[in-house]
mmCIF file of all heavy atoms, coordinates in Angstrom:
data_MODEL
# 
_entry.id   MODEL 
# 
loop_
_atom_site.group_PDB 
_atom_site.id 
_atom_site.type_symbol 
_atom_site.label_atom_id 
_atom_site.label_alt_id 
_atom_site.label_comp_id 
_atom_site.label_asym_id 
_atom_site.label_entity_id 
_atom_site.label_seq_id 
_atom_site.pdbx_PDB_ins_code 
_atom_site.Cartn_x 
_atom_site.Cartn_y 
_atom_site.Cartn_z 
_atom_site.occupancy 
_atom_site.B_iso_or_equiv 
_atom_site.pdbx_formal_charge 
_atom_site.auth_seq_id 
_atom_site.auth_comp_id 
_atom_site.auth_asym_id 
_atom_site.auth_atom_id 
_atom_site.pdbx_PDB_model_num 
ATOM 1   N N   . LYS A 1 1  ? 73.511 -19.204 27.913 1.00 0.00 ? 1  LYS A N   1 
ATOM 2   C CA  . LYS A 1 1  ? 72.206 -19.028 27.178 1.00 0.00 ? 1  LYS A CA  1 
ATOM 3   C C   . LYS A 1 1  ? 71.961 -20.185 26.247 1.00 0.00 ? 1  LYS A C   1 
ATOM 4   O O   . LYS A 1 1  ? 70.881 -20.754 26.194 1.00 0.00 ? 1  LYS A O   1 
ATOM 5   C CB  . LYS A 1 1  ? 72.220 -17.716 26.398 1.00 0.00 ? 1  LYS A CB  1 
ATOM 6   C CG  . LYS A 1 1  ? 70.977 -17.435 25.644 1.00 0.00 ? 1  LYS A CG  1 
ATOM 7   C CD  . LYS A 1 1  ? 71.073 -16.117 24.889 1.00 0.00 ? 1  LYS A CD  1 
ATOM 8   C CE  . LYS A 1 1  ? 69.866 -15.885 24.040 1.00 0.00 ? 1  LYS A CE  1 
ATOM 9   N NZ  . LYS A 1 1  ? 69.950 -14.641 23.297 1.00 0.00 ? 1  LYS A NZ  1 
ATOM 10  N N   . ALA A 1 2  ? 72.969 -20.598 25.470 1.00 0.00 ? 2  ALA A N   1 
ATOM 11  C CA  . ALA A 1 2  ? 72.830 -21.692 24.511 1.00 0.00 ? 2  ALA A CA  1 
ATOM 12  C C   . ALA A 1 2  ? 72.530 -23.016 25.253 1.00 0.00 ? 2  ALA A C   1 
ATOM 13  O O   . ALA A 1 2  ? 71.690 -23.804 24.793 1.00 0.00 ? 2  ALA A O   1 
ATOM 14  C CB  . ALA A 1 2  ? 74.063 -21.805 23.664 1.00 0.00 ? 2  ALA A CB  1 
ATOM 15  N N   . MET A 1 3  ? 73.213 -23.235 26.365 1.00 0.00 ? 3  MET A N   1 
ATOM 16  C CA  . MET A 1 3  ? 73.008 -24.454 27.174 1.00 0.00 ? 3  MET A CA  1 
ATOM 17  C C   . MET A 1 3  ? 71.596 -24.492 27.689 1.00 0.00 ? 3  MET A C   1 
ATOM 18  O O   . MET A 1 3  ? 70.895 -25.524 27.635 1.00 0.00 ? 3  MET A O   1 
ATOM 19  C CB  . MET A 1 3  ? 73.992 -24.523 28.383 1.00 0.00 ? 3  MET A CB  1 
ATOM 20  C CG  . MET A 1 3  ? 73.794 -25.664 29.260 1.00 0.00 ? 3  MET A CG  1 
ATOM 21  S SD  . MET A 1 3  ? 74.909 -25.730 30.694 1.00 0.00 ? 3  MET A SD  1 
ATOM 22  C CE  . MET A 1 3  ? 75.185 -24.092 31.183 1.00 0.00 ? 3  MET A CE  1 
ATOM 23  N N   . TYR A 1 4  ? 71.076 -23.346 28.114 1.00 0.00 ? 4  TYR A N   1 
ATOM 24  C CA  . TYR A 1 4  ? 69.699 -23.309 28.646 1.00 0.00 ? 4  TYR A CA  1 
ATOM 25  C C   . TYR A 1 4  ? 68.763 -23.571 27.512 1.00 0.00 ? 4  TYR A C   1 
ATOM 26  O O   . TYR A 1 4  ? 67.760 -24.356 27.689 1.00 0.00 ? 4  TYR A O   1 
ATOM 27  C CB  . TYR A 1 4  ? 69.431 -21.946 29.264 1.00 0.00 ? 4  TYR A CB  1 
ATOM 28  C CG  . TYR A 1 4  ? 68.026 -21.861 29.817 1.00 0.00 ? 4  TYR A CG  1 
ATOM 29  C CD1 . TYR A 1 4  ? 67.740 -22.389 31.113 1.00 0.00 ? 4  TYR A CD1 1 
ATOM 30  C CD2 . TYR A 1 4  ? 66.992 -21.339 29.079 1.00 0.00 ? 4  TYR A CD2 1 
ATOM 31  C CE1 . TYR A 1 4  ? 66.443 -22.341 31.586 1.00 0.00 ? 4  TYR A CE1 1 
ATOM 32  C CE2 . TYR A 1 4  ? 65.681 -21.263 29.622 1.00 0.00 ? 4  TYR A CE2 1 
ATOM 33  C CZ  . TYR A 1 4  ? 65.438 -21.779 30.863 1.00 0.00 ? 4  TYR A CZ  1 
ATOM 34  O OH  . TYR A 1 4  ? 64.148 -21.740 31.355 1.00 0.00 ? 4  TYR A OH  1 
ATOM 35  N N   . LEU A 1 5  ? 68.933 -22.955 26.394 1.00 0.00 ? 5  LEU A N   1 
ATOM 36  C CA  . LEU A 1 5  ? 68.024 -23.120 25.224 1.00 0.00 ? 5  LEU A CA  1 
ATOM 37  C C   . LEU A 1 5  ? 67.978 -24.557 24.697 1.00 0.00 ? 5  LEU A C   1 
ATOM 38  O O   . LEU A 1 5  ? 66.968 -24.957 24.132 1.00 0.00 ? 5  LEU A O   1 
ATOM 39  C CB  . LEU A 1 5  ? 68.371 -22.102 24.165 1.00 0.00 ? 5  LEU A CB  1 
ATOM 40  C CG  . LEU A 1 5  ? 67.925 -20.671 24.404 1.00 0.00 ? 5  LEU A CG  1 
ATOM 41  C CD1 . LEU A 1 5  ? 68.452 -19.722 23.358 1.00 0.00 ? 5  LEU A CD1 1 
ATOM 42  C CD2 . LEU A 1 5  ? 66.373 -20.591 24.559 1.00 0.00 ? 5  LEU A CD2 1 
ATOM 43  N N   . LEU A 1 6  ? 69.112 -25.285 24.842 1.00 0.00 ? 6  LEU A N   1 
ATOM 44  C CA  . LEU A 1 6  ? 69.143 -26.671 24.474 1.00 0.00 ? 6  LEU A CA  1 
ATOM 45  C C   . LEU A 1 6  ? 68.171 -27.481 25.305 1.00 0.00 ? 6  LEU A C   1 
ATOM 46  O O   . LEU A 1 6  ? 67.445 -28.344 24.841 1.00 0.00 ? 6  LEU A O   1 
ATOM 47  C CB  . LEU A 1 6  ? 70.542 -27.266 24.526 1.00 0.00 ? 6  LEU A CB  1 
ATOM 48  C CG  . LEU A 1 6  ? 71.459 -26.922 23.383 1.00 0.00 ? 6  LEU A CG  1 
ATOM 49  C CD1 . LEU A 1 6  ? 72.852 -27.400 23.660 1.00 0.00 ? 6  LEU A CD1 1 
ATOM 50  C CD2 . LEU A 1 6  ? 70.929 -27.503 22.084 1.00 0.00 ? 6  LEU A CD2 1 
ATOM 51  N N   . ALA A 1 7  ? 68.173 -27.161 26.599 1.00 0.00 ? 7  ALA A N   1 
ATOM 52  C CA  . ALA A 1 7  ? 67.307 -27.821 27.561 1.00 0.00 ? 7  ALA A CA  1 
ATOM 53  C C   . ALA A 1 7  ? 65.859 -27.406 27.511 1.00 0.00 ? 7  ALA A C   1 
ATOM 54  O O   . ALA A 1 7  ? 64.910 -28.187 27.711 1.00 0.00 ? 7  ALA A O   1 
ATOM 55  C CB  . ALA A 1 7  ? 67.859 -27.752 29.001 1.00 0.00 ? 7  ALA A CB  1 
ATOM 56  N N   . TYR A 1 8  ? 65.650 -26.095 27.295 1.00 0.00 ? 8  TYR A N   1 
ATOM 57  C CA  . TYR A 1 8  ? 64.273 -25.485 27.319 1.00 0.00 ? 8  TYR A CA  1 
ATOM 58  C C   . TYR A 1 8  ? 64.164 -24.563 26.089 1.00 0.00 ? 8  TYR A C   1 
ATOM 59  O O   . TYR A 1 8  ? 64.193 -23.335 26.185 1.00 0.00 ? 8  TYR A O   1 
ATOM 60  C CB  . TYR A 1 8  ? 64.083 -24.662 28.622 1.00 0.00 ? 8  TYR A CB  1 
ATOM 61  C CG  . TYR A 1 8  ? 64.232 -25.494 29.830 1.00 0.00 ? 8  TYR A CG  1 
ATOM 62  C CD1 . TYR A 1 8  ? 65.470 -25.552 30.500 1.00 0.00 ? 8  TYR A CD1 1 
ATOM 63  C CD2 . TYR A 1 8  ? 63.181 -26.175 30.379 1.00 0.00 ? 8  TYR A CD2 1 
ATOM 64  C CE1 . TYR A 1 8  ? 65.626 -26.272 31.685 1.00 0.00 ? 8  TYR A CE1 1 
ATOM 65  C CE2 . TYR A 1 8  ? 63.320 -26.910 31.519 1.00 0.00 ? 8  TYR A CE2 1 
ATOM 66  C CZ  . TYR A 1 8  ? 64.545 -26.994 32.187 1.00 0.00 ? 8  TYR A CZ  1 
ATOM 67  O OH  . TYR A 1 8  ? 64.670 -27.707 33.307 1.00 0.00 ? 8  TYR A OH  1 
ATOM 68  N N   . PRO A 1 9  ? 63.941 -25.107 24.921 1.00 0.00 ? 9  PRO A N   1 
ATOM 69  C CA  . PRO A 1 9  ? 63.887 -24.296 23.712 1.00 0.00 ? 9  PRO A CA  1 
ATOM 70  C C   . PRO A 1 9  ? 62.772 -23.291 23.591 1.00 0.00 ? 9  PRO A C   1 
ATOM 71  O O   . PRO A 1 9  ? 62.852 -22.307 22.866 1.00 0.00 ? 9  PRO A O   1 
ATOM 72  C CB  . PRO A 1 9  ? 63.830 -25.321 22.559 1.00 0.00 ? 9  PRO A CB  1 
ATOM 73  C CG  . PRO A 1 9  ? 63.367 -26.531 23.188 1.00 0.00 ? 9  PRO A CG  1 
ATOM 74  C CD  . PRO A 1 9  ? 63.748 -26.520 24.675 1.00 0.00 ? 9  PRO A CD  1 
ATOM 75  N N   . ASP A 1 10 ? 61.659 -23.515 24.357 1.00 0.00 ? 10 ASP A N   1 
ATOM 76  C CA  . ASP A 1 10 ? 60.534 -22.669 24.242 1.00 0.00 ? 10 ASP A CA  1 
ATOM 77  C C   . ASP A 1 10 ? 60.508 -21.542 25.289 1.00 0.00 ? 10 ASP A C   1 
ATOM 78  O O   . ASP A 1 10 ? 59.584 -20.695 25.228 1.00 0.00 ? 10 ASP A O   1 
ATOM 79  C CB  . ASP A 1 10 ? 59.219 -23.485 24.311 1.00 0.00 ? 10 ASP A CB  1 
ATOM 80  C CG  . ASP A 1 10 ? 59.052 -24.426 23.154 1.00 0.00 ? 10 ASP A CG  1 
ATOM 81  O OD1 . ASP A 1 10 ? 59.628 -24.150 22.070 1.00 0.00 ? 10 ASP A OD1 1 
ATOM 82  O OD2 . ASP A 1 10 ? 58.526 -25.534 23.377 1.00 0.00 ? 10 ASP A OD2 1 
ATOM 83  N N   . ASP A 1 11 ? 61.419 -21.551 26.189 1.00 0.00 ? 11 ASP A N   1 
ATOM 84  C CA  . ASP A 1 11 ? 61.456 -20.537 27.284 1.00 0.00 ? 11 ASP A CA  1 
ATOM 85  C C   . ASP A 1 11 ? 62.068 -19.211 26.858 1.00 0.00 ? 11 ASP A C   1 
ATOM 86  O O   . ASP A 1 11 ? 62.899 -19.213 25.955 1.00 0.00 ? 11 ASP A O   1 
ATOM 87  C CB  . ASP A 1 11 ? 62.159 -21.078 28.507 1.00 0.00 ? 11 ASP A CB  1 
ATOM 88  C CG  . ASP A 1 11 ? 61.363 -22.114 29.230 1.00 0.00 ? 11 ASP A CG  1 
ATOM 89  O OD1 . ASP A 1 11 ? 60.268 -22.470 28.841 1.00 0.00 ? 11 ASP A OD1 1 
ATOM 90  O OD2 . ASP A 1 11 ? 61.852 -22.576 30.296 1.00 0.00 ? 11 ASP A OD2 1 
ATOM 91  N N   . ALA A 1 12 ? 61.679 -18.166 27.553 1.00 0.00 ? 12 ALA A N   1 
ATOM 92  C CA  . ALA A 1 12 ? 62.259 -16.847 27.293 1.00 0.00 ? 12 ALA A CA  1 
ATOM 93  C C   . ALA A 1 12 ? 63.571 -16.751 28.024 1.00 0.00 ? 12 ALA A C   1 
ATOM 94  O O   . ALA A 1 12 ? 63.700 -17.079 29.180 1.00 0.00 ? 12 ALA A O   1 
ATOM 95  C CB  . ALA A 1 12 ? 61.289 -15.771 27.819 1.00 0.00 ? 12 ALA A CB  1 
ATOM 96  N N   . VAL A 1 13 ? 64.613 -16.266 27.327 1.00 0.00 ? 13 VAL A N   1 
ATOM 97  C CA  . VAL A 1 13 ? 65.952 -16.067 27.877 1.00 0.00 ? 13 VAL A CA  1 
ATOM 98  C C   . VAL A 1 13 ? 66.370 -14.633 27.622 1.00 0.00 ? 13 VAL A C   1 
ATOM 99  O O   . VAL A 1 13 ? 66.237 -14.156 26.483 1.00 0.00 ? 13 VAL A O   1 
ATOM 100 C CB  . VAL A 1 13 ? 66.982 -17.039 27.246 1.00 0.00 ? 13 VAL A CB  1 
ATOM 101 C CG1 . VAL A 1 13 ? 68.358 -16.840 27.868 1.00 0.00 ? 13 VAL A CG1 1 
ATOM 102 C CG2 . VAL A 1 13 ? 66.537 -18.449 27.381 1.00 0.00 ? 13 VAL A CG2 1 
ATOM 103 N N   . TYR A 1 14 ? 66.854 -13.948 28.623 1.00 0.00 ? 14 TYR A N   1 
ATOM 104 C CA  . TYR A 1 14 ? 67.293 -12.545 28.481 1.00 0.00 ? 14 TYR A CA  1 
ATOM 105 C C   . TYR A 1 14 ? 68.750 -12.458 28.815 1.00 0.00 ? 14 TYR A C   1 
ATOM 106 O O   . TYR A 1 14 ? 69.222 -12.832 29.897 1.00 0.00 ? 14 TYR A O   1 
ATOM 107 C CB  . TYR A 1 14 ? 66.485 -11.674 29.466 1.00 0.00 ? 14 TYR A CB  1 
ATOM 108 C CG  . TYR A 1 14 ? 65.009 -11.877 29.321 1.00 0.00 ? 14 TYR A CG  1 
ATOM 109 C CD1 . TYR A 1 14 ? 64.317 -12.775 30.067 1.00 0.00 ? 14 TYR A CD1 1 
ATOM 110 C CD2 . TYR A 1 14 ? 64.275 -11.106 28.399 1.00 0.00 ? 14 TYR A CD2 1 
ATOM 111 C CE1 . TYR A 1 14 ? 62.917 -12.932 29.961 1.00 0.00 ? 14 TYR A CE1 1 
ATOM 112 C CE2 . TYR A 1 14 ? 62.914 -11.252 28.244 1.00 0.00 ? 14 TYR A CE2 1 
ATOM 113 C CZ  . TYR A 1 14 ? 62.253 -12.197 29.034 1.00 0.00 ? 14 TYR A CZ  1 
ATOM 114 O OH  . TYR A 1 14 ? 60.881 -12.371 28.891 1.00 0.00 ? 14 TYR A OH  1 
ATOM 115 N N   . MET A 1 15 ? 69.536 -11.935 27.837 1.00 0.00 ? 15 MET A N   1 
ATOM 116 C CA  . MET A 1 15 ? 70.967 -11.699 28.086 1.00 0.00 ? 15 MET A CA  1 
ATOM 117 C C   . MET A 1 15 ? 71.109 -10.188 28.070 1.00 0.00 ? 15 MET A C   1 
ATOM 118 O O   . MET A 1 15 ? 70.804 -9.530  27.129 1.00 0.00 ? 15 MET A O   1 
ATOM 119 C CB  . MET A 1 15 ? 71.790 -12.308 26.945 1.00 0.00 ? 15 MET A CB  1 
ATOM 120 C CG  . MET A 1 15 ? 73.228 -12.414 27.257 1.00 0.00 ? 15 MET A CG  1 
ATOM 121 S SD  . MET A 1 15 ? 74.210 -13.425 26.122 1.00 0.00 ? 15 MET A SD  1 
ATOM 122 C CE  . MET A 1 15 ? 74.836 -12.191 25.074 1.00 0.00 ? 15 MET A CE  1 
ATOM 123 N N   . ASP A 1 16 ? 71.646 -9.669  29.214 1.00 0.00 ? 16 ASP A N   1 
ATOM 124 C CA  . ASP A 1 16 ? 71.743 -8.232  29.416 1.00 0.00 ? 16 ASP A CA  1 
ATOM 125 C C   . ASP A 1 16 ? 73.137 -7.851  29.803 1.00 0.00 ? 16 ASP A C   1 
ATOM 126 O O   . ASP A 1 16 ? 73.890 -8.655  30.421 1.00 0.00 ? 16 ASP A O   1 
ATOM 127 C CB  . ASP A 1 16 ? 70.803 -7.741  30.491 1.00 0.00 ? 16 ASP A CB  1 
ATOM 128 C CG  . ASP A 1 16 ? 69.375 -8.060  30.218 1.00 0.00 ? 16 ASP A CG  1 
ATOM 129 O OD1 . ASP A 1 16 ? 68.851 -7.774  29.123 1.00 0.00 ? 16 ASP A OD1 1 
ATOM 130 O OD2 . ASP A 1 16 ? 68.717 -8.642  31.126 1.00 0.00 ? 16 ASP A OD2 1 
ATOM 131 N N   . TYR A 1 17 ? 73.505 -6.614  29.398 1.00 0.00 ? 17 TYR A N   1 
ATOM 132 C CA  . TYR A 1 17 ? 74.794 -6.047  29.851 1.00 0.00 ? 17 TYR A CA  1 
ATOM 133 C C   . TYR A 1 17 ? 74.445 -4.803  30.678 1.00 0.00 ? 17 TYR A C   1 
ATOM 134 O O   . TYR A 1 17 ? 73.861 -3.851  30.223 1.00 0.00 ? 17 TYR A O   1 
ATOM 135 C CB  . TYR A 1 17 ? 75.621 -5.635  28.631 1.00 0.00 ? 17 TYR A CB  1 
ATOM 136 C CG  . TYR A 1 17 ? 76.916 -5.013  29.068 1.00 0.00 ? 17 TYR A CG  1 
ATOM 137 C CD1 . TYR A 1 17 ? 77.966 -5.741  29.668 1.00 0.00 ? 17 TYR A CD1 1 
ATOM 138 C CD2 . TYR A 1 17 ? 77.197 -3.653  28.876 1.00 0.00 ? 17 TYR A CD2 1 
ATOM 139 C CE1 . TYR A 1 17 ? 79.138 -5.171  30.037 1.00 0.00 ? 17 TYR A CE1 1 
ATOM 140 C CE2 . TYR A 1 17 ? 78.339 -3.064  29.189 1.00 0.00 ? 17 TYR A CE2 1 
ATOM 141 C CZ  . TYR A 1 17 ? 79.354 -3.832  29.799 1.00 0.00 ? 17 TYR A CZ  1 
ATOM 142 O OH  . TYR A 1 17 ? 80.511 -3.299  30.201 1.00 0.00 ? 17 TYR A OH  1 
ATOM 143 N N   . GLU A 1 18 ? 74.820 -4.868  31.951 1.00 0.00 ? 18 GLU A N   1 
ATOM 144 C CA  . GLU A 1 18 ? 74.690 -3.734  32.878 1.00 0.00 ? 18 GLU A CA  1 
ATOM 145 C C   . GLU A 1 18 ? 76.084 -3.438  33.397 1.00 0.00 ? 18 GLU A C   1 
ATOM 146 O O   . GLU A 1 18 ? 76.585 -4.210  34.183 1.00 0.00 ? 18 GLU A O   1 
ATOM 147 C CB  . GLU A 1 18 ? 73.767 -4.090  34.052 1.00 0.00 ? 18 GLU A CB  1 
ATOM 148 C CG  . GLU A 1 18 ? 72.345 -4.355  33.551 1.00 0.00 ? 18 GLU A CG  1 
ATOM 149 C CD  . GLU A 1 18 ? 71.476 -4.959  34.646 1.00 0.00 ? 18 GLU A CD  1 
ATOM 150 O OE1 . GLU A 1 18 ? 71.803 -4.868  35.862 1.00 0.00 ? 18 GLU A OE1 1 
ATOM 151 O OE2 . GLU A 1 18 ? 70.465 -5.583  34.334 1.00 0.00 ? 18 GLU A OE2 1 
ATOM 152 N N   . GLN A 1 19 ? 76.713 -2.441  32.838 1.00 0.00 ? 19 GLN A N   1 
ATOM 153 C CA  . GLN A 1 19 ? 78.160 -2.227  33.041 1.00 0.00 ? 19 GLN A CA  1 
ATOM 154 C C   . GLN A 1 19 ? 78.519 -2.378  34.486 1.00 0.00 ? 19 GLN A C   1 
ATOM 155 O O   . GLN A 1 19 ? 77.898 -1.818  35.364 1.00 0.00 ? 19 GLN A O   1 
ATOM 156 C CB  . GLN A 1 19 ? 78.481 -0.808  32.573 1.00 0.00 ? 19 GLN A CB  1 
ATOM 157 C CG  . GLN A 1 19 ? 79.933 -0.506  32.492 1.00 0.00 ? 19 GLN A CG  1 
ATOM 158 C CD  . GLN A 1 19 ? 80.222 0.857   31.852 1.00 0.00 ? 19 GLN A CD  1 
ATOM 159 O OE1 . GLN A 1 19 ? 79.361 1.572   31.500 1.00 0.00 ? 19 GLN A OE1 1 
ATOM 160 N NE2 . GLN A 1 19 ? 81.470 1.181   31.781 1.00 0.00 ? 19 GLN A NE2 1 
ATOM 161 N N   . PRO A 1 20 ? 79.479 -3.176  34.839 1.00 0.00 ? 20 PRO A N   1 
ATOM 162 C CA  . PRO A 1 20 ? 80.431 -3.938  34.007 1.00 0.00 ? 20 PRO A CA  1 
ATOM 163 C C   . PRO A 1 20 ? 80.030 -5.425  33.846 1.00 0.00 ? 20 PRO A C   1 
ATOM 164 O O   . PRO A 1 20 ? 80.855 -6.256  33.564 1.00 0.00 ? 20 PRO A O   1 
ATOM 165 C CB  . PRO A 1 20 ? 81.683 -3.794  34.742 1.00 0.00 ? 20 PRO A CB  1 
ATOM 166 C CG  . PRO A 1 20 ? 81.285 -3.850  36.178 1.00 0.00 ? 20 PRO A CG  1 
ATOM 167 C CD  . PRO A 1 20 ? 79.947 -3.161  36.209 1.00 0.00 ? 20 PRO A CD  1 
ATOM 168 N N   . ASN A 1 21 ? 78.781 -5.788  34.121 1.00 0.00 ? 21 ASN A N   1 
ATOM 169 C CA  . ASN A 1 21 ? 78.394 -7.174  34.227 1.00 0.00 ? 21 ASN A CA  1 
ATOM 170 C C   . ASN A 1 21 ? 77.554 -7.643  33.069 1.00 0.00 ? 21 ASN A C   1 
ATOM 171 O O   . ASN A 1 21 ? 76.675 -6.882  32.591 1.00 0.00 ? 21 ASN A O   1 
ATOM 172 C CB  . ASN A 1 21 ? 77.648 -7.426  35.518 1.00 0.00 ? 21 ASN A CB  1 
ATOM 173 C CG  . ASN A 1 21 ? 78.452 -7.211  36.728 1.00 0.00 ? 21 ASN A CG  1 
ATOM 174 O OD1 . ASN A 1 21 ? 79.568 -7.693  36.868 1.00 0.00 ? 21 ASN A OD1 1 
ATOM 175 N ND2 . ASN A 1 21 ? 77.945 -6.395  37.649 1.00 0.00 ? 21 ASN A ND2 1 
ATOM 176 N N   . TRP A 1 22 ? 77.760 -8.899  32.677 1.00 0.00 ? 22 TRP A N   1 
ATOM 177 C CA  . TRP A 1 22 ? 76.887 -9.579  31.711 1.00 0.00 ? 22 TRP A CA  1 
ATOM 178 C C   . TRP A 1 22 ? 75.994 -10.520 32.572 1.00 0.00 ? 22 TRP A C   1 
ATOM 179 O O   . TRP A 1 22 ? 76.440 -11.137 33.511 1.00 0.00 ? 22 TRP A O   1 
ATOM 180 C CB  . TRP A 1 22 ? 77.621 -10.409 30.727 1.00 0.00 ? 22 TRP A CB  1 
ATOM 181 C CG  . TRP A 1 22 ? 78.179 -9.611  29.625 1.00 0.00 ? 22 TRP A CG  1 
ATOM 182 C CD1 . TRP A 1 22 ? 79.448 -9.077  29.562 1.00 0.00 ? 22 TRP A CD1 1 
ATOM 183 C CD2 . TRP A 1 22 ? 77.599 -9.270  28.455 1.00 0.00 ? 22 TRP A CD2 1 
ATOM 184 N NE1 . TRP A 1 22 ? 79.666 -8.361  28.412 1.00 0.00 ? 22 TRP A NE1 1 
ATOM 185 C CE2 . TRP A 1 22 ? 78.463 -8.404  27.712 1.00 0.00 ? 22 TRP A CE2 1 
ATOM 186 C CE3 . TRP A 1 22 ? 76.327 -9.433  27.901 1.00 0.00 ? 22 TRP A CE3 1 
ATOM 187 C CZ2 . TRP A 1 22 ? 78.142 -7.863  26.467 1.00 0.00 ? 22 TRP A CZ2 1 
ATOM 188 C CZ3 . TRP A 1 22 ? 76.021 -8.909  26.635 1.00 0.00 ? 22 TRP A CZ3 1 
ATOM 189 C CH2 . TRP A 1 22 ? 76.925 -8.135  25.960 1.00 0.00 ? 22 TRP A CH2 1 
ATOM 190 N N   . PHE A 1 23 ? 74.663 -10.573 32.227 1.00 0.00 ? 23 PHE A N   1 
ATOM 191 C CA  . PHE A 1 23 ? 73.730 -11.407 32.920 1.00 0.00 ? 23 PHE A CA  1 
ATOM 192 C C   . PHE A 1 23 ? 72.954 -12.277 31.936 1.00 0.00 ? 23 PHE A C   1 
ATOM 193 O O   . PHE A 1 23 ? 72.659 -11.848 30.802 1.00 0.00 ? 23 PHE A O   1 
ATOM 194 C CB  . PHE A 1 23 ? 72.649 -10.538 33.656 1.00 0.00 ? 23 PHE A CB  1 
ATOM 195 C CG  . PHE A 1 23 ? 73.215 -9.788  34.830 1.00 0.00 ? 23 PHE A CG  1 
ATOM 196 C CD1 . PHE A 1 23 ? 73.662 -8.465  34.606 1.00 0.00 ? 23 PHE A CD1 1 
ATOM 197 C CD2 . PHE A 1 23 ? 73.286 -10.327 36.069 1.00 0.00 ? 23 PHE A CD2 1 
ATOM 198 C CE1 . PHE A 1 23 ? 74.152 -7.719  35.662 1.00 0.00 ? 23 PHE A CE1 1 
ATOM 199 C CE2 . PHE A 1 23 ? 73.773 -9.614  37.118 1.00 0.00 ? 23 PHE A CE2 1 
ATOM 200 C CZ  . PHE A 1 23 ? 74.227 -8.268  36.915 1.00 0.00 ? 23 PHE A CZ  1 
ATOM 201 N N   . VAL A 1 24 ? 72.603 -13.478 32.400 1.00 0.00 ? 24 VAL A N   1 
ATOM 202 C CA  . VAL A 1 24 ? 71.620 -14.301 31.665 1.00 0.00 ? 24 VAL A CA  1 
ATOM 203 C C   . VAL A 1 24 ? 70.555 -14.612 32.659 1.00 0.00 ? 24 VAL A C   1 
ATOM 204 O O   . VAL A 1 24 ? 70.796 -15.160 33.748 1.00 0.00 ? 24 VAL A O   1 
ATOM 205 C CB  . VAL A 1 24 ? 72.291 -15.653 31.133 1.00 0.00 ? 24 VAL A CB  1 
ATOM 206 C CG1 . VAL A 1 24 ? 71.207 -16.540 30.492 1.00 0.00 ? 24 VAL A CG1 1 
ATOM 207 C CG2 . VAL A 1 24 ? 73.408 -15.356 30.179 1.00 0.00 ? 24 VAL A CG2 1 
ATOM 208 N N   . ARG A 1 25 ? 69.323 -14.182 32.348 1.00 0.00 ? 25 ARG A N   1 
ATOM 209 C CA  . ARG A 1 25 ? 68.142 -14.404 33.163 1.00 0.00 ? 25 ARG A CA  1 
ATOM 210 C C   . ARG A 1 25 ? 67.104 -15.085 32.370 1.00 0.00 ? 25 ARG A C   1 
ATOM 211 O O   . ARG A 1 25 ? 66.965 -14.877 31.173 1.00 0.00 ? 25 ARG A O   1 
ATOM 212 C CB  . ARG A 1 25 ? 67.661 -13.067 33.719 1.00 0.00 ? 25 ARG A CB  1 
ATOM 213 C CG  . ARG A 1 25 ? 68.667 -12.360 34.610 1.00 0.00 ? 25 ARG A CG  1 
ATOM 214 C CD  . ARG A 1 25 ? 68.028 -11.099 35.225 1.00 0.00 ? 25 ARG A CD  1 
ATOM 215 N NE  . ARG A 1 25 ? 69.016 -10.412 36.031 1.00 0.00 ? 25 ARG A NE  1 
ATOM 216 C CZ  . ARG A 1 25 ? 69.660 -9.308  35.674 1.00 0.00 ? 25 ARG A CZ  1 
ATOM 217 N NH1 . ARG A 1 25 ? 69.433 -8.741  34.514 1.00 0.00 ? 25 ARG A NH1 1 
ATOM 218 N NH2 . ARG A 1 25 ? 70.513 -8.715  36.525 1.00 0.00 ? 25 ARG A NH2 1 
ATOM 219 N N   . VAL A 1 26 ? 66.309 -15.881 33.088 1.00 0.00 ? 26 VAL A N   1 
ATOM 220 C CA  . VAL A 1 26 ? 65.235 -16.627 32.396 1.00 0.00 ? 26 VAL A CA  1 
ATOM 221 C C   . VAL A 1 26 ? 63.940 -16.459 33.130 1.00 0.00 ? 26 VAL A C   1 
ATOM 222 O O   . VAL A 1 26 ? 63.862 -16.253 34.306 1.00 0.00 ? 26 VAL A O   1 
ATOM 223 C CB  . VAL A 1 26 ? 65.599 -18.155 32.279 1.00 0.00 ? 26 VAL A CB  1 
ATOM 224 C CG1 . VAL A 1 26 ? 66.789 -18.333 31.431 1.00 0.00 ? 26 VAL A CG1 1 
ATOM 225 C CG2 . VAL A 1 26 ? 65.724 -18.778 33.626 1.00 0.00 ? 26 VAL A CG2 1 
ATOM 226 N N   . GLY A 1 27 ? 62.818 -16.614 32.386 1.00 0.00 ? 27 GLY A N   1 
ATOM 227 C CA  . GLY A 1 27 ? 61.481 -16.709 32.915 1.00 0.00 ? 27 GLY A CA  1 
ATOM 228 C C   . GLY A 1 27 ? 60.868 -15.367 33.157 1.00 0.00 ? 27 GLY A C   1 
ATOM 229 O O   . GLY A 1 27 ? 61.505 -14.317 33.282 1.00 0.00 ? 27 GLY A O   1 
ATOM 230 N N   . ASP A 1 28 ? 59.524 -15.393 33.306 1.00 0.00 ? 28 ASP A N   1 
ATOM 231 C CA  . ASP A 1 28 ? 58.684 -14.292 33.761 1.00 0.00 ? 28 ASP A CA  1 
ATOM 232 C C   . ASP A 1 28 ? 57.715 -14.878 34.720 1.00 0.00 ? 28 ASP A C   1 
ATOM 233 O O   . ASP A 1 28 ? 56.652 -15.325 34.353 1.00 0.00 ? 28 ASP A O   1 
ATOM 234 C CB  . ASP A 1 28 ? 57.944 -13.682 32.526 1.00 0.00 ? 28 ASP A CB  1 
ATOM 235 C CG  . ASP A 1 28 ? 58.865 -12.938 31.603 1.00 0.00 ? 28 ASP A CG  1 
ATOM 236 O OD1 . ASP A 1 28 ? 59.644 -12.096 32.096 1.00 0.00 ? 28 ASP A OD1 1 
ATOM 237 O OD2 . ASP A 1 28 ? 58.784 -13.140 30.375 1.00 0.00 ? 28 ASP A OD2 1 
# 
């Protein structure tokens, strides 16, 4: 998430936990 935000600071980033997985998703 931090790496993405360095490259695209204005974009929406979603970090979710859906047991048992962590996800990082971007964009709408």
